[in-house]
Protein backbone atom coordinates (compact mmCIF):
# COMPACT_ATOMS: atom_id res chain seq x y z
CA MET A 1 0.00 0.00 0.00
CA ARG A 2 0.91 3.65 -0.32
CA LEU A 3 0.99 5.22 3.14
CA ALA A 4 1.32 8.92 3.93
CA VAL A 5 2.81 9.48 7.40
CA THR A 6 2.91 12.85 9.17
CA GLY A 7 5.22 13.37 12.14
CA ALA A 8 7.66 10.95 10.52
CA SER A 9 10.74 12.43 12.23
CA GLY A 10 9.28 12.02 15.71
CA PHE A 11 9.74 9.52 18.51
CA ILE A 12 7.10 7.13 17.14
CA GLY A 13 7.38 8.21 13.51
CA ARG A 14 11.00 7.16 12.98
CA PRO A 15 10.65 3.48 13.96
CA LEU A 16 7.19 3.32 12.39
CA VAL A 17 8.39 4.47 8.97
CA GLN A 18 11.27 1.99 9.08
CA ARG A 19 8.96 -0.87 10.03
CA LEU A 20 6.41 0.00 7.35
CA ARG A 21 9.16 0.13 4.73
CA ASP A 22 10.36 -3.27 5.91
CA ASP A 23 6.79 -4.44 5.26
CA ASP A 24 7.23 -3.31 1.62
CA HIS A 25 4.76 -0.44 1.84
CA THR A 26 5.50 2.68 -0.18
CA ILE A 27 5.95 5.47 2.37
CA LEU A 28 5.49 9.18 1.82
CA ALA A 29 6.88 10.77 4.98
CA SER A 30 6.54 14.36 6.19
CA ASP A 31 7.41 16.36 9.29
CA CYS A 32 8.04 19.97 10.25
CA ARG A 33 11.65 18.76 10.69
CA PRO A 34 12.71 17.44 7.27
CA GLY A 35 15.40 14.81 6.99
CA ASP A 36 16.57 11.82 5.00
CA GLY A 37 13.49 10.58 3.16
CA VAL A 38 11.22 12.97 5.11
CA GLU A 39 9.70 15.97 3.36
CA GLY A 40 9.38 19.24 5.25
CA LEU A 41 5.72 20.03 5.94
CA ASP A 42 3.98 22.13 8.58
CA LEU A 43 0.42 20.86 9.03
CA ARG A 44 -0.69 24.44 9.68
CA ASP A 45 0.17 25.20 6.03
CA ARG A 46 -3.21 24.51 4.43
CA ILE A 47 -2.05 24.89 0.85
CA GLY A 48 1.06 22.79 1.44
CA VAL A 49 -0.90 19.99 3.14
CA ARG A 50 -3.45 19.83 0.33
CA ALA A 51 -0.72 19.77 -2.31
CA TRP A 52 1.21 17.02 -0.52
CA LEU A 53 -1.84 14.80 -0.09
CA GLY A 54 -3.17 15.58 -3.55
CA GLN A 55 0.03 14.24 -5.09
CA SER A 56 0.41 11.31 -2.70
CA HIS A 57 -2.06 8.81 -4.20
CA ALA A 58 -2.10 7.36 -0.69
CA ASP A 59 -4.31 4.48 0.41
CA VAL A 60 -4.03 5.41 4.11
CA VAL A 61 -2.89 8.51 6.00
CA ILE A 62 -1.27 8.01 9.41
CA ALA A 63 -1.68 11.21 11.45
CA LEU A 64 1.22 11.35 13.93
CA GLY A 65 2.20 14.97 13.45
CA ALA A 66 1.05 17.08 16.41
CA ILE A 67 1.98 18.59 19.74
CA SER A 68 2.54 15.26 21.47
CA GLY A 69 1.56 15.89 25.07
CA PRO A 70 0.66 18.40 27.79
CA MET A 71 4.34 18.79 28.66
CA VAL A 72 4.99 20.39 25.24
CA ALA A 73 4.21 24.12 25.08
CA PRO A 74 2.21 24.11 28.36
CA ASP A 75 2.22 27.92 28.42
CA ASP A 76 1.34 28.34 24.76
CA PRO A 77 -2.26 27.12 24.31
CA GLU A 78 -2.52 28.90 20.98
CA GLN A 79 0.30 26.78 19.56
CA VAL A 80 -1.23 23.57 20.91
CA LEU A 81 -4.66 24.27 19.45
CA ASP A 82 -3.34 25.70 16.20
CA SER A 83 -1.21 22.60 15.63
CA ASN A 84 -3.54 19.88 16.91
CA ILE A 85 -6.88 21.26 15.76
CA GLY A 86 -6.00 23.58 12.90
CA GLY A 87 -3.38 21.19 11.56
CA LEU A 88 -5.76 18.23 11.81
CA LEU A 89 -8.49 20.16 10.00
CA ASN A 90 -6.06 20.87 7.16
CA LEU A 91 -5.15 17.19 7.05
CA LEU A 92 -8.76 15.97 7.05
CA GLU A 93 -9.75 18.38 4.34
CA GLY A 94 -6.71 17.38 2.32
CA VAL A 95 -7.68 13.72 2.73
CA ARG A 96 -11.24 14.48 1.58
CA ARG A 97 -10.19 16.52 -1.44
CA ALA A 98 -7.63 13.90 -2.49
CA GLY A 99 -10.17 11.09 -2.18
CA ILE A 100 -8.03 9.13 0.30
CA PRO A 101 -10.33 6.53 1.89
CA ARG A 102 -8.66 5.81 5.25
CA LEU A 103 -7.06 7.56 8.21
CA VAL A 104 -5.28 6.34 11.34
CA PHE A 105 -5.35 9.14 13.93
CA ILE A 106 -3.10 9.02 16.99
CA SER A 107 -5.21 10.15 19.92
CA SER A 108 -4.42 9.86 23.64
CA ILE A 109 -5.43 8.49 27.01
CA ALA A 110 -5.79 12.18 27.93
CA VAL A 111 -9.28 12.24 26.38
CA TYR A 112 -10.83 10.34 29.31
CA ALA A 113 -12.69 12.04 32.15
CA THR A 114 -11.93 11.34 35.79
CA ARG A 115 -13.85 8.27 36.92
CA PRO A 116 -15.42 7.49 40.31
CA ASP A 117 -13.62 4.14 40.54
CA LEU A 118 -10.55 2.40 39.15
CA SER A 119 -12.36 -0.21 37.08
CA PRO A 120 -11.08 -0.87 33.53
CA VAL A 121 -11.80 1.97 31.09
CA PRO A 122 -13.60 1.01 27.86
CA GLU A 123 -13.79 3.19 24.76
CA THR A 124 -17.38 4.09 25.70
CA ALA A 125 -16.22 5.90 28.88
CA ALA A 126 -16.93 9.62 29.22
CA LEU A 127 -14.48 12.10 27.68
CA ALA A 128 -13.40 15.43 29.15
CA SER A 129 -10.84 18.21 28.80
CA VAL A 130 -8.63 19.37 31.66
CA ASP A 131 -6.10 21.37 29.61
CA THR A 132 -5.61 22.53 26.04
CA TYR A 133 -3.80 19.33 25.06
CA SER A 134 -6.63 17.02 26.18
CA ALA A 135 -9.12 19.46 24.61
CA SER A 136 -7.24 19.20 21.32
CA LYS A 137 -7.47 15.41 21.35
CA VAL A 138 -11.16 15.33 22.31
CA ALA A 139 -11.89 17.86 19.57
CA GLY A 140 -9.63 15.98 17.16
CA GLU A 141 -11.57 12.76 17.60
CA ALA A 142 -14.84 14.65 17.13
CA MET A 143 -13.52 16.11 13.88
CA VAL A 144 -12.37 12.71 12.64
CA ALA A 145 -15.76 11.20 13.53
CA ALA A 146 -17.55 14.02 11.70
CA TYR A 147 -15.56 13.45 8.51
CA ALA A 148 -16.22 9.72 8.78
CA ALA A 149 -19.96 10.28 9.17
CA GLN A 150 -20.35 13.01 6.54
CA PHE A 151 -17.86 11.96 3.90
CA GLY A 152 -17.51 8.19 4.36
CA LEU A 153 -13.96 8.25 5.68
CA SER A 154 -12.79 5.01 7.33
CA ALA A 155 -11.00 6.24 10.45
CA THR A 156 -9.37 4.60 13.46
CA SER A 157 -8.43 6.72 16.49
CA LEU A 158 -5.82 5.05 18.69
CA ARG A 159 -6.12 6.25 22.30
CA VAL A 160 -2.53 5.64 23.31
CA SER A 161 -1.28 5.67 26.90
CA THR A 162 2.11 7.16 27.91
CA VAL A 163 4.76 6.01 25.42
CA TYR A 164 8.32 5.31 26.53
CA GLY A 165 11.49 3.95 24.99
CA PRO A 166 14.81 5.01 23.43
CA GLY A 167 14.65 8.23 21.46
CA ARG A 168 11.95 10.10 23.36
CA ALA A 169 13.01 13.74 23.63
CA THR A 170 10.07 15.32 25.48
CA PRO A 171 10.32 15.30 29.30
CA TYR A 172 8.64 12.53 31.27
CA ILE A 173 9.22 10.77 34.56
CA ILE A 174 11.06 7.72 33.17
CA GLY A 175 13.46 9.86 31.15
CA LYS A 176 14.11 12.16 34.11
CA LEU A 177 14.89 9.21 36.37
CA VAL A 178 17.27 7.64 33.84
CA ASP A 179 19.01 10.99 33.27
CA SER A 180 19.38 11.53 37.03
CA ALA A 181 21.78 8.57 37.22
CA LYS A 182 24.32 10.66 35.27
CA SER A 183 23.37 14.19 36.28
CA GLY A 184 22.84 13.60 39.98
CA ALA A 185 19.62 15.60 39.87
CA VAL A 186 16.92 14.55 42.32
CA VAL A 187 13.61 13.76 40.60
CA GLU A 188 10.28 14.40 42.30
CA VAL A 189 7.82 11.53 41.95
CA SER A 190 4.22 11.57 43.04
CA GLY A 191 3.32 9.60 46.14
CA ARG A 192 -0.43 10.05 45.74
CA PRO A 193 -2.13 6.64 45.52
CA ALA A 194 -4.52 7.83 42.79
CA ASN A 195 -1.67 8.96 40.51
CA MET A 196 -1.18 5.76 38.53
CA ARG A 197 0.83 5.34 35.34
CA GLN A 198 -0.04 3.36 32.21
CA TYR A 199 2.99 2.92 29.99
CA VAL A 200 3.35 1.39 26.55
CA HIS A 201 6.65 0.73 24.80
CA VAL A 202 7.19 2.51 21.49
CA ASP A 203 7.57 -0.88 19.74
CA ASP A 204 4.07 -1.87 20.82
CA VAL A 205 2.66 1.43 19.54
CA VAL A 206 4.34 0.86 16.18
CA GLU A 207 2.75 -2.59 16.07
CA ALA A 208 -0.69 -1.17 16.93
CA ILE A 209 -0.42 1.29 14.04
CA ARG A 210 0.70 -1.48 11.67
CA LEU A 211 -2.31 -3.55 12.69
CA SER A 212 -4.62 -0.56 12.19
CA VAL A 213 -3.31 -0.17 8.64
CA ALA A 214 -3.89 -3.89 8.01
CA HIS A 215 -7.45 -3.90 9.41
CA PRO A 216 -9.78 -1.37 7.75
CA LEU A 217 -12.84 -0.58 9.87
CA PRO A 218 -16.03 1.20 8.80
CA GLY A 219 -16.84 4.66 10.12
CA HIS A 220 -14.93 6.02 13.09
CA THR A 221 -13.56 3.52 15.62
CA PRO A 222 -11.73 4.64 18.79
CA ILE A 223 -9.42 1.96 20.20
CA ASN A 224 -7.43 1.88 23.46
CA ILE A 225 -3.72 1.04 23.17
CA THR A 226 -1.59 0.44 26.26
CA GLY A 227 1.18 -1.82 27.48
CA GLY A 228 -0.81 -3.65 30.13
CA THR A 229 0.88 -1.98 33.11
CA TYR A 230 -0.89 -0.01 35.82
CA THR A 231 1.59 1.17 38.39
CA SER A 232 2.47 4.11 40.65
CA GLU A 233 5.25 6.58 39.99
CA VAL A 234 6.98 5.31 43.12
CA GLU A 235 6.97 1.74 41.76
CA VAL A 236 8.41 2.99 38.46
CA ALA A 237 11.15 4.86 40.34
CA GLU A 238 11.97 1.72 42.33
CA MET A 239 12.22 -0.32 39.13
CA ILE A 240 14.63 2.16 37.58
CA THR A 241 16.84 2.42 40.68
CA ARG A 242 17.20 -1.36 40.65
CA LEU A 243 18.64 -0.98 37.15
CA LEU A 244 20.47 2.27 37.87
CA PRO A 245 21.39 2.47 41.57
CA SER A 246 22.76 5.99 41.09
CA ALA A 247 19.35 7.33 39.97
CA ARG A 248 17.92 9.66 42.61
CA TYR A 249 14.36 10.54 43.48
CA VAL A 250 12.24 11.88 46.30
CA VAL A 251 8.58 11.14 46.92
CA ARG A 252 6.36 14.21 47.13
CA ASP A 253 2.66 14.91 47.54
CA CYS A 254 2.44 16.32 44.01
CA GLU A 255 0.51 15.90 40.79
CA GLY A 256 1.44 13.04 38.48
CA GLY A 257 0.03 10.00 36.78
CA ASP A 258 -2.23 9.62 33.79
CA GLY A 259 -5.39 10.94 35.43
CA ALA A 260 -7.70 9.43 38.04
CA ILE A 261 -8.87 6.54 35.89
CA GLY A 262 -8.49 2.80 35.95
CA PRO A 263 -6.46 0.72 33.49
CA LEU A 264 -7.38 1.00 29.82
CA ASP A 265 -9.47 -1.94 28.60
CA ILE A 266 -7.86 -3.30 25.40
CA THR A 267 -10.53 -5.89 24.59
CA ILE A 268 -11.52 -3.98 21.44
CA ALA A 269 -7.88 -3.75 20.32
CA GLU A 270 -7.50 -7.49 20.77
CA ARG A 271 -10.76 -8.32 18.97
CA LEU A 272 -10.61 -5.89 16.03
CA LEU A 273 -6.86 -5.58 15.48
CA GLY A 274 -5.34 -8.67 17.10
CA TYR A 275 -3.25 -6.33 19.27
CA ARG A 276 -1.51 -7.57 22.39
CA PRO A 277 1.39 -5.74 24.03
CA THR A 278 4.61 -7.75 23.90
CA VAL A 279 7.11 -5.55 25.78
CA SER A 280 6.71 -5.71 29.56
CA LEU A 281 7.64 -2.67 31.61
CA ASP A 282 10.59 -4.57 33.14
CA GLU A 283 11.90 -5.50 29.70
CA GLY A 284 11.26 -2.07 28.23
CA LEU A 285 13.04 -0.25 31.03
CA GLY A 286 15.97 -2.63 30.70
CA ARG A 287 16.20 -1.87 26.98
CA LEU A 288 16.01 1.86 27.63
CA VAL A 289 18.75 1.79 30.23
CA ALA A 290 20.95 -0.29 27.92
CA ALA A 291 20.36 2.11 25.02
CA THR A 292 21.32 5.16 27.08
CA ALA A 293 24.38 3.63 28.77
């Protein structure tokens, strides 16, 4: 197939493009940071996006390009919304005008509202916005669903939990703890019992996207993707210090975690895509430590 991938120079985009090429797909890659085999494209450039998609003859668009989390530009809501909503609108309209039939949209666990208990979270759970990033993902899914309903687009929205692994540049608790082993900096971790973490290794996310490409679904289908772990920040810190005894942290009564929700239910991912996470948190952390040694 011909696959158009935005965000191809990013943390997930780089290994994804390589894996898709290994699968003998024809890849058209773009990113705001051009590189070897990656065309420079800012999704906020409406004319540029339409031209790129119009010439792509793509069978599927994989929408990775975006502000990737609340830790990116936290004090610049205009940038977050302009990139994640305005950029997505340009992409959707480019897909429609080019007659591309399918889209895989990378959404987030951040779309879910706080829940009264910690039972597993299905895709039918209530959505809510607590910051501009989560608002951009809730709105993004609504836009994707609208294009699916009105124009017949086949769209899958992957609600991905916190992604970790070698190559992640944006700040997050695992990266800070690993870096502290060399820098000597003391990392604050949340000791609040409700602040649980749900991690997924980048390799499992790449596999989930591959499976989404291979399994076309009618209309708009949101699907949870996680690594099967549900653990506290303190437990994560303990795991890393067993691997890196020089890593330093202190437990504080501070914000953290992936929201006051239970573990993501991946029954739909298993049934519709055949997805099962294969990289345990123990294994993934070991790989990360080895890669940064």
